PDB file of all heavy atoms in Angstrom:
ATOM      1  N   LEU A   1      99.192 105.514  99.674  1.00  0.00           N
ATOM      2  CA  LEU A   1     100.223 106.255  98.939  1.00  0.00           C
ATOM      3  C   LEU A   1     101.564 106.229  99.655  1.00  0.00           C
ATOM      4  O   LEU A   1     102.612 106.351  99.024  1.00  0.00           O
ATOM      5  CB  LEU A   1      99.770 107.707  98.761  1.00  0.00           C
ATOM      6  CG  LEU A   1     100.674 108.589  97.900  1.00  0.00           C
ATOM      7  CD1 LEU A   1     100.839 107.976  96.512  1.00  0.00           C
ATOM      8  CD2 LEU A   1     100.107 109.994  97.793  1.00  0.00           C
ATOM      9  N   ILE A   2     101.571 106.025 100.981  1.00  0.00           N
ATOM     10  CA  ILE A   2     102.841 106.048 101.725  1.00  0.00           C
ATOM     11  C   ILE A   2     103.763 104.928 101.277  1.00  0.00           C
ATOM     12  O   ILE A   2     104.876 105.186 100.821  1.00  0.00           O
ATOM     13  CB  ILE A   2     102.564 105.958 103.239  1.00  0.00           C
ATOM     14  CG1 ILE A   2     101.714 107.168 103.686  1.00  0.00           C
ATOM     15  CG2 ILE A   2     103.869 105.919 104.022  1.00  0.00           C
ATOM     16  CD1 ILE A   2     101.284 107.086 105.115  1.00  0.00           C
ATOM     17  N   PRO A   3     103.363 103.643 101.344  1.00  0.00           N
ATOM     18  CA  PRO A   3     104.301 102.603 100.895  1.00  0.00           C
ATOM     19  C   PRO A   3     104.567 102.655  99.415  1.00  0.00           C
ATOM     20  O   PRO A   3     105.663 102.328  98.961  1.00  0.00           O
ATOM     21  CB  PRO A   3     103.581 101.314 101.314  1.00  0.00           C
ATOM     22  CG  PRO A   3     102.148 101.694 101.420  1.00  0.00           C
ATOM     23  CD  PRO A   3     102.115 103.115 101.888  1.00  0.00           C
ATOM     24  N   GLY A   4     103.555 103.080  98.613  1.00  0.00           N
ATOM     25  CA  GLY A   4     103.773 103.125  97.173  1.00  0.00           C
ATOM     26  C   GLY A   4     104.853 104.116  96.786  1.00  0.00           C
ATOM     27  O   GLY A   4     105.759 103.811  96.005  1.00  0.00           O
ATOM     28  N   LEU A   5     104.776 105.325  97.341  1.00  0.00           N
ATOM     29  CA  LEU A   5     105.768 106.342  97.000  1.00  0.00           C
ATOM     30  C   LEU A   5     107.131 105.987  97.563  1.00  0.00           C
ATOM     31  O   LEU A   5     108.159 106.175  96.903  1.00  0.00           O
ATOM     32  CB  LEU A   5     105.316 107.704  97.529  1.00  0.00           C
ATOM     33  CG  LEU A   5     104.225 108.395  96.703  1.00  0.00           C
ATOM     34  CD1 LEU A   5     103.795 109.676  97.376  1.00  0.00           C
ATOM     35  CD2 LEU A   5     104.692 108.675  95.291  1.00  0.00           C
ATOM     36  N   LEU A   6     107.175 105.467  98.802  1.00  0.00           N
ATOM     37  CA  LEU A   6     108.473 105.087  99.368  1.00  0.00           C
ATOM     38  C   LEU A   6     109.119 103.989  98.548  1.00  0.00           C
ATOM     39  O   LEU A   6     110.325 104.012  98.291  1.00  0.00           O
ATOM     40  CB  LEU A   6     108.280 104.625 100.816  1.00  0.00           C
ATOM     41  CG  LEU A   6     107.920 105.731 101.818  1.00  0.00           C
ATOM     42  CD1 LEU A   6     107.675 105.131 103.193  1.00  0.00           C
ATOM     43  CD2 LEU A   6     109.026 106.768 101.894  1.00  0.00           C
ATOM     44  N   LEU A   7     108.323 102.997  98.109  1.00  0.00           N
ATOM     45  CA  LEU A   7     108.887 101.936  97.280  1.00  0.00           C
ATOM     46  C   LEU A   7     109.421 102.483  95.979  1.00  0.00           C
ATOM     47  O   LEU A   7     110.500 102.111  95.523  1.00  0.00           O
ATOM     48  CB  LEU A   7     107.804 100.884  97.021  1.00  0.00           C
ATOM     49  CG  LEU A   7     108.195  99.725  96.108  1.00  0.00           C
ATOM     50  CD1 LEU A   7     109.352  98.952  96.721  1.00  0.00           C
ATOM     51  CD2 LEU A   7     107.007  98.822  95.857  1.00  0.00           C
ATOM     52  N   PHE A   8     108.680 103.425  95.361  1.00  0.00           N
ATOM     53  CA  PHE A   8     109.144 104.008  94.108  1.00  0.00           C
ATOM     54  C   PHE A   8     110.449 104.757  94.299  1.00  0.00           C
ATOM     55  O   PHE A   8     111.368 104.669  93.487  1.00  0.00           O
ATOM     56  CB  PHE A   8     108.068 104.947  93.565  1.00  0.00           C
ATOM     57  CG  PHE A   8     108.430 105.567  92.258  1.00  0.00           C
ATOM     58  CD1 PHE A   8     108.187 104.896  91.077  1.00  0.00           C
ATOM     59  CD2 PHE A   8     109.027 106.818  92.193  1.00  0.00           C
ATOM     60  CE1 PHE A   8     108.525 105.453  89.868  1.00  0.00           C
ATOM     61  CE2 PHE A   8     109.366 107.382  90.996  1.00  0.00           C
ATOM     62  CZ  PHE A   8     109.119 106.703  89.834  1.00  0.00           C
ATOM     63  N   LEU A   9     110.571 105.489  95.405  1.00  0.00           N
ATOM     64  CA  LEU A   9     111.789 106.265  95.653  1.00  0.00           C
ATOM     65  C   LEU A   9     112.983 105.367  95.837  1.00  0.00           C
ATOM     66  O   LEU A   9     114.048 105.583  95.264  1.00  0.00           O
ATOM     67  CB  LEU A   9     111.592 107.139  96.894  1.00  0.00           C
ATOM     68  CG  LEU A   9     110.512 108.216  96.768  1.00  0.00           C
ATOM     69  CD1 LEU A   9     110.337 108.944  98.085  1.00  0.00           C
ATOM     70  CD2 LEU A   9     110.880 109.201  95.688  1.00  0.00           C
ATOM     71  N   PHE A  10     112.829 104.315  96.659  1.00  0.00           N
ATOM     72  CA  PHE A  10     113.985 103.460  96.913  1.00  0.00           C
ATOM     73  C   PHE A  10     114.359 102.671  95.676  1.00  0.00           C
ATOM     74  O   PHE A  10     115.536 102.427  95.430  1.00  0.00           O
ATOM     75  CB  PHE A  10     113.687 102.520  98.090  1.00  0.00           C
ATOM     76  CG  PHE A  10     113.710 103.207  99.419  1.00  0.00           C
ATOM     77  CD1 PHE A  10     112.547 103.336 100.177  1.00  0.00           C
ATOM     78  CD2 PHE A  10     114.878 103.743  99.912  1.00  0.00           C
ATOM     79  CE1 PHE A  10     112.573 103.974 101.394  1.00  0.00           C
ATOM     80  CE2 PHE A  10     114.914 104.382 101.130  1.00  0.00           C
ATOM     81  CZ  PHE A  10     113.748 104.506 101.866  1.00  0.00           C
ATOM     82  N   LEU A  11     113.429 102.288  94.849  1.00  0.00           N
ATOM     83  CA  LEU A  11     113.764 101.594  93.618  1.00  0.00           C
ATOM     84  C   LEU A  11     114.472 102.497  92.637  1.00  0.00           C
ATOM     85  O   LEU A  11     115.338 102.067  91.885  1.00  0.00           O
ATOM     86  CB  LEU A  11     112.483 101.044  92.969  1.00  0.00           C
ATOM     87  CG  LEU A  11     111.846  99.844  93.683  1.00  0.00           C
ATOM     88  CD1 LEU A  11     110.597  99.414  92.927  1.00  0.00           C
ATOM     89  CD2 LEU A  11     112.818  98.703  93.782  1.00  0.00           C
ATOM     90  N   ALA A  12     114.104 103.775  92.616  1.00  0.00           N
ATOM     91  CA  ALA A  12     114.780 104.697  91.721  1.00  0.00           C
ATOM     92  C   ALA A  12     116.183 105.001  92.146  1.00  0.00           C
ATOM     93  O   ALA A  12     117.057 105.274  91.338  1.00  0.00           O
ATOM     94  CB  ALA A  12     113.977 105.997  91.621  1.00  0.00           C
ATOM     95  N   LEU A  13     116.458 104.918  93.484  1.00  0.00           N
ATOM     96  CA  LEU A  13     117.792 105.264  93.979  1.00  0.00           C
ATOM     97  C   LEU A  13     118.760 104.108  93.900  1.00  0.00           C
ATOM     98  O   LEU A  13     119.951 104.309  93.724  1.00  0.00           O
ATOM     99  CB  LEU A  13     117.673 105.710  95.451  1.00  0.00           C
ATOM    100  CG  LEU A  13     117.148 107.125  95.658  1.00  0.00           C
ATOM    101  CD1 LEU A  13     116.894 107.370  97.123  1.00  0.00           C
ATOM    102  CD2 LEU A  13     118.105 108.143  95.103  1.00  0.00           C
ATOM    103  N   THR A  14     118.266 102.890  94.094  1.00  0.00           N
ATOM    104  CA  THR A  14     119.174 101.767  94.162  1.00  0.00           C
ATOM    105  C   THR A  14     119.541 101.294  92.776  1.00  0.00           C
ATOM    106  O   THR A  14     118.793 101.458  91.831  1.00  0.00           O
ATOM    107  CB  THR A  14     118.521 100.608  94.934  1.00  0.00           C
ATOM    108  OG1 THR A  14     117.272 100.305  94.323  1.00  0.00           O
ATOM    109  CG2 THR A  14     118.325 100.977  96.380  1.00  0.00           C
ATOM    110  N   PRO A  15     120.728 100.678  92.636  1.00  0.00           N
ATOM    111  CA  PRO A  15     121.149 100.210  91.316  1.00  0.00           C
ATOM    112  C   PRO A  15     120.605  98.851  90.960  1.00  0.00           C
ATOM    113  O   PRO A  15     121.124  98.205  90.078  1.00  0.00           O
ATOM    114  CB  PRO A  15     122.668 100.162  91.460  1.00  0.00           C
ATOM    115  CG  PRO A  15     122.883  99.856  92.902  1.00  0.00           C
ATOM    116  CD  PRO A  15     121.766 100.546  93.644  1.00  0.00           C
ATOM    117  N   SER A  16     119.580  98.389  91.674  1.00  0.00           N
ATOM    118  CA  SER A  16     119.063  97.081  91.360  1.00  0.00           C
ATOM    119  C   SER A  16     118.360  97.118  90.023  1.00  0.00           C
ATOM    120  O   SER A  16     117.918  98.155  89.556  1.00  0.00           O
ATOM    121  CB  SER A  16     118.072  96.649  92.444  1.00  0.00           C
ATOM    122  OG  SER A  16     116.924  97.441  92.391  1.00  0.00           O
ATOM    123  N   PRO A  17     118.174  95.968  89.347  1.00  0.00           N
ATOM    124  CA  PRO A  17     117.525  95.953  88.052  1.00  0.00           C
ATOM    125  C   PRO A  17     116.044  96.159  88.125  1.00  0.00           C
ATOM    126  O   PRO A  17     115.403  96.300  87.095  1.00  0.00           O
ATOM    127  CB  PRO A  17     117.865  94.549  87.521  1.00  0.00           C
ATOM    128  CG  PRO A  17     118.132  93.741  88.737  1.00  0.00           C
ATOM    129  CD  PRO A  17     118.713  94.696  89.741  1.00  0.00           C
ATOM    130  N   ALA A  18     115.422  96.206  89.336  1.00  0.00           N
ATOM    131  CA  ALA A  18     114.012  96.416  89.437  1.00  0.00           C
ATOM    132  C   ALA A  18     113.707  97.877  89.486  1.00  0.00           C
ATOM    133  O   ALA A  18     114.048  98.562  90.400  1.00  0.00           O
ATOM    134  CB  ALA A  18     113.468  95.736  90.697  1.00  0.00           C
ATOM    135  N   LEU A  19     113.046  98.368  88.487  1.00  0.00           N
ATOM    136  CA  LEU A  19     112.758  99.776  88.420  1.00  0.00           C
ATOM    137  C   LEU A  19     111.479  99.955  87.666  1.00  0.00           C
ATOM    138  O   LEU A  19     111.210  99.243  86.711  1.00  0.00           O
ATOM    139  CB  LEU A  19     113.876 100.514  87.708  1.00  0.00           C
ATOM    140  CG  LEU A  19     113.823 102.011  87.730  1.00  0.00           C
ATOM    141  CD1 LEU A  19     113.607 102.552  89.120  1.00  0.00           C
ATOM    142  CD2 LEU A  19     115.092 102.543  87.255  1.00  0.00           C
ATOM    143  N   ALA A  20     110.635 100.913  88.124  1.00  0.00           N
ATOM    144  CA  ALA A  20     109.389 101.160  87.474  1.00  0.00           C
ATOM    145  C   ALA A  20     109.621 101.586  86.059  1.00  0.00           C
ATOM    146  O   ALA A  20     110.659 102.089  85.697  1.00  0.00           O
ATOM    147  CB  ALA A  20     108.617 102.249  88.216  1.00  0.00           C
ATOM    148  N   HIS A  21     108.679 101.365  85.192  1.00  0.00           N
ATOM    149  CA  HIS A  21     108.776 101.689  83.778  1.00  0.00           C
ATOM    150  C   HIS A  21     109.970 100.994  83.149  1.00  0.00           C
ATOM    151  O   HIS A  21     111.057 101.536  83.059  1.00  0.00           O
ATOM    152  CB  HIS A  21     108.901 103.200  83.564  1.00  0.00           C
ATOM    153  CG  HIS A  21     107.726 103.957  84.083  1.00  0.00           C
ATOM    154  ND1 HIS A  21     106.439 103.703  83.680  1.00  0.00           N
ATOM    155  CD2 HIS A  21     107.644 104.949  84.995  1.00  0.00           C
ATOM    156  CE1 HIS A  21     105.617 104.520  84.295  1.00  0.00           C
ATOM    157  NE2 HIS A  21     106.303 105.269  85.111  1.00  0.00           N
ATOM    158  N   GLY A  22     109.780  99.836  82.680  1.00  0.00           N
ATOM    159  CA  GLY A  22     110.833  99.145  81.966  1.00  0.00           C
ATOM    160  C   GLY A  22     111.742  98.340  82.841  1.00  0.00           C
ATOM    161  O   GLY A  22     112.723  97.799  82.373  1.00  0.00           O
ATOM    162  N   GLY A  23     111.498  98.234  84.167  1.00  0.00           N
ATOM    163  CA  GLY A  23     112.374  97.485  85.044  1.00  0.00           C
ATOM    164  C   GLY A  23     112.091  95.991  84.980  1.00  0.00           C
ATOM    165  O   GLY A  23     111.161  95.535  84.331  1.00  0.00           O
ATOM    166  N   MET A  24     112.899  95.212  85.646  1.00  0.00           N
ATOM    167  CA  MET A  24     112.738  93.767  85.670  1.00  0.00           C
ATOM    168  C   MET A  24     113.030  93.265  87.062  1.00  0.00           C
ATOM    169  O   MET A  24     114.022  93.657  87.653  1.00  0.00           O
ATOM    170  CB  MET A  24     113.686  93.111  84.661  1.00  0.00           C
ATOM    171  CG  MET A  24     113.555  91.586  84.615  1.00  0.00           C
ATOM    172  SD  MET A  24     114.540  90.859  83.308  1.00  0.00           S
ATOM    173  CE  MET A  24     116.173  91.350  83.826  1.00  0.00           C
TER     174      MET A  24
END
C-alpha cells in the first residue's frame, strides 16, 4: 500500500496527463 498510495497522491497533484480514473 505504501508505493500505491504515494503514486496515487503524486499523480493527483501533478499536472501530467497520467491520472487514475480516466487518465492517459
